[in-house]
Amino acid sequence: MTLGYHVYGTQNFLLMTLDCPDEVKRSLNVLKELTVLFGIAQIEAGADVLTLPDHARRFGERSYYRDFLQEIHTELCDRIPCR
């Protein structure tokens, strides 16, 4: 989500979650590949800890994380070998 804010601009990206949520999901799926590559590179460079901070809240909605990020975060945990 944070990469989306940087690519599209925070306000634009948040508005996209309302106006075109499917486009947001497609964008997040593309951007997650950068997160995987960066995470693996950090591990290979000797990192002890990885953090995936995503600011996932929209206008007080509790379903926002579930709708946009939960599945991606689960996949990231499976694909980045850092256990």
C-alpha atoms as a PDB file:
ATOM      1  CA  MET A   1       0.000   0.000   0.000  1.00  0.00           C
ATOM      2  CA  THR A   2       2.802   2.393   0.890  1.00  0.00           C
ATOM      3  CA  LEU A   3       4.444   1.892  -2.511  1.00  0.00           C
ATOM      4  CA  GLY A   4       1.100   2.713  -4.118  1.00  0.00           C
ATOM      5  CA  TYR A   5       1.020   5.989  -2.183  1.00  0.00           C
ATOM      6  CA  HIS A   6       4.442   6.867  -3.585  1.00  0.00           C
ATOM      7  CA  VAL A   7       3.639   5.846  -7.157  1.00  0.00           C
ATOM      8  CA  TYR A   8       0.189   7.450  -7.430  1.00  0.00           C
ATOM      9  CA  GLY A   9       0.238  10.000  -4.624  1.00  0.00           C
ATOM     10  CA  THR A  10      -1.449   9.290  -1.303  1.00  0.00           C
ATOM     11  CA  GLN A  11      -4.692  11.149  -1.957  1.00  0.00           C
ATOM     12  CA  ASN A  12      -5.053   9.776  -5.480  1.00  0.00           C
ATOM     13  CA  PHE A  13      -4.408   6.211  -4.341  1.00  0.00           C
ATOM     14  CA  LEU A  14      -6.882   6.433  -1.487  1.00  0.00           C
ATOM     15  CA  LEU A  15      -9.519   7.827  -3.830  1.00  0.00           C
ATOM     16  CA  MET A  16      -8.773   4.992  -6.260  1.00  0.00           C
ATOM     17  CA  THR A  17      -9.707   2.509  -3.526  1.00  0.00           C
ATOM     18  CA  LEU A  18     -13.193   4.001  -3.699  1.00  0.00           C
ATOM     19  CA  ASP A  19     -13.490   4.683  -7.419  1.00  0.00           C
ATOM     20  CA  CYS A  20     -11.600   1.751  -8.951  1.00  0.00           C
ATOM     21  CA  PRO A  21     -10.700  -0.870  -6.339  1.00  0.00           C
ATOM     22  CA  ASP A  22      -9.892  -3.490  -8.997  1.00  0.00           C
ATOM     23  CA  GLU A  23      -7.189  -1.227 -10.432  1.00  0.00           C
ATOM     24  CA  VAL A  24      -5.762  -0.768  -6.938  1.00  0.00           C
ATOM     25  CA  LYS A  25      -5.646  -4.542  -6.459  1.00  0.00           C
ATOM     26  CA  ARG A  26      -3.902  -4.999  -9.813  1.00  0.00           C
ATOM     27  CA  SER A  27      -1.375  -2.313  -8.897  1.00  0.00           C
ATOM     28  CA  LEU A  28      -0.720  -3.881  -5.504  1.00  0.00           C
ATOM     29  CA  ASN A  29      -0.104  -7.243  -7.153  1.00  0.00           C
ATOM     30  CA  VAL A  30       2.501  -5.682  -9.454  1.00  0.00           C
ATOM     31  CA  LEU A  31       4.149  -3.718  -6.634  1.00  0.00           C
ATOM     32  CA  LYS A  32       4.353  -6.759  -4.355  1.00  0.00           C
ATOM     33  CA  GLU A  33       6.959  -8.214  -6.699  1.00  0.00           C
ATOM     34  CA  LEU A  34       9.296  -5.332  -5.811  1.00  0.00           C
ATOM     35  CA  THR A  35       8.732  -6.081  -2.142  1.00  0.00           C
ATOM     36  CA  VAL A  36       9.630  -9.745  -2.659  1.00  0.00           C
ATOM     37  CA  LEU A  37      12.809  -8.904  -4.588  1.00  0.00           C
ATOM     38  CA  PHE A  38      13.862  -6.300  -2.026  1.00  0.00           C
ATOM     39  CA  GLY A  39      13.139  -8.633   0.895  1.00  0.00           C
ATOM     40  CA  ILE A  40      15.183 -11.449  -0.625  1.00  0.00           C
ATOM     41  CA  ALA A  41      18.042  -9.051  -1.398  1.00  0.00           C
ATOM     42  CA  GLN A  42      18.042  -7.861   2.212  1.00  0.00           C
ATOM     43  CA  ILE A  43      18.188 -11.437   3.509  1.00  0.00           C
ATOM     44  CA  GLU A  44      21.020 -12.292   1.122  1.00  0.00           C
ATOM     45  CA  ALA A  45      22.871  -9.205   2.347  1.00  0.00           C
ATOM     46  CA  GLY A  46      22.608 -10.478   5.937  1.00  0.00           C
ATOM     47  CA  ALA A  47      19.579  -8.683   7.337  1.00  0.00           C
ATOM     48  CA  ASP A  48      18.424 -10.031  10.692  1.00  0.00           C
ATOM     49  CA  VAL A  49      14.930  -8.526  10.612  1.00  0.00           C
ATOM     50  CA  LEU A  50      12.496  -7.439   7.902  1.00  0.00           C
ATOM     51  CA  THR A  51       9.528  -5.152   8.402  1.00  0.00           C
ATOM     52  CA  LEU A  52       6.647  -4.703   5.979  1.00  0.00           C
ATOM     53  CA  PRO A  53       4.941  -1.517   7.105  1.00  0.00           C
ATOM     54  CA  ASP A  54       1.755  -0.786   5.230  1.00  0.00           C
ATOM     55  CA  HIS A  55      -0.572   1.991   6.202  1.00  0.00           C
ATOM     56  CA  ALA A  56      -3.906   0.399   5.511  1.00  0.00           C
ATOM     57  CA  ARG A  57      -6.809   2.416   6.700  1.00  0.00           C
ATOM     58  CA  ARG A  58      -9.456   4.266   4.793  1.00  0.00           C
ATOM     59  CA  PHE A  59     -11.973   6.496   6.445  1.00  0.00           C
ATOM     60  CA  GLY A  60     -12.332   4.227   9.477  1.00  0.00           C
ATOM     61  CA  GLU A  61     -13.257   1.111   7.512  1.00  0.00           C
ATOM     62  CA  ARG A  62     -12.307  -2.091   9.286  1.00  0.00           C
ATOM     63  CA  SER A  63     -12.571  -4.219   6.130  1.00  0.00           C
ATOM     64  CA  TYR A  64      -9.956  -2.170   4.261  1.00  0.00           C
ATOM     65  CA  TYR A  65      -6.992  -4.323   5.312  1.00  0.00           C
ATOM     66  CA  ARG A  66      -8.876  -7.522   4.554  1.00  0.00           C
ATOM     67  CA  ASP A  67     -10.036  -6.273   1.152  1.00  0.00           C
ATOM     68  CA  PHE A  68      -6.718  -4.937  -0.101  1.00  0.00           C
ATOM     69  CA  LEU A  69      -3.759  -6.310   1.847  1.00  0.00           C
ATOM     70  CA  GLN A  70      -4.362  -9.421   3.909  1.00  0.00           C
ATOM     71  CA  GLU A  71      -3.933 -11.851   1.015  1.00  0.00           C
ATOM     72  CA  ILE A  72      -0.848 -10.035  -0.258  1.00  0.00           C
ATOM     73  CA  HIS A  73       0.770 -10.007   3.185  1.00  0.00           C
ATOM     74  CA  THR A  74       0.118 -13.729   3.551  1.00  0.00           C
ATOM     75  CA  GLU A  75       1.759 -14.350   0.179  1.00  0.00           C
ATOM     76  CA  LEU A  76       4.733 -12.150   1.088  1.00  0.00           C
ATOM     77  CA  CYS A  77       5.281 -14.159   4.273  1.00  0.00           C
ATOM     78  CA  ASP A  78       5.250 -17.353   2.210  1.00  0.00           C
ATOM     79  CA  ARG A  79       7.595 -16.057  -0.505  1.00  0.00           C
ATOM     80  CA  ILE A  80      10.197 -14.187   1.531  1.00  0.00           C
ATOM     81  CA  PRO A  81      12.322 -16.816   3.306  1.00  0.00           C
ATOM     82  CA  CYS A  82      13.027 -15.113   6.600  1.00  0.00           C
ATOM     83  CA  ARG A  83      11.883 -17.451   9.351  1.00  0.00           C
END
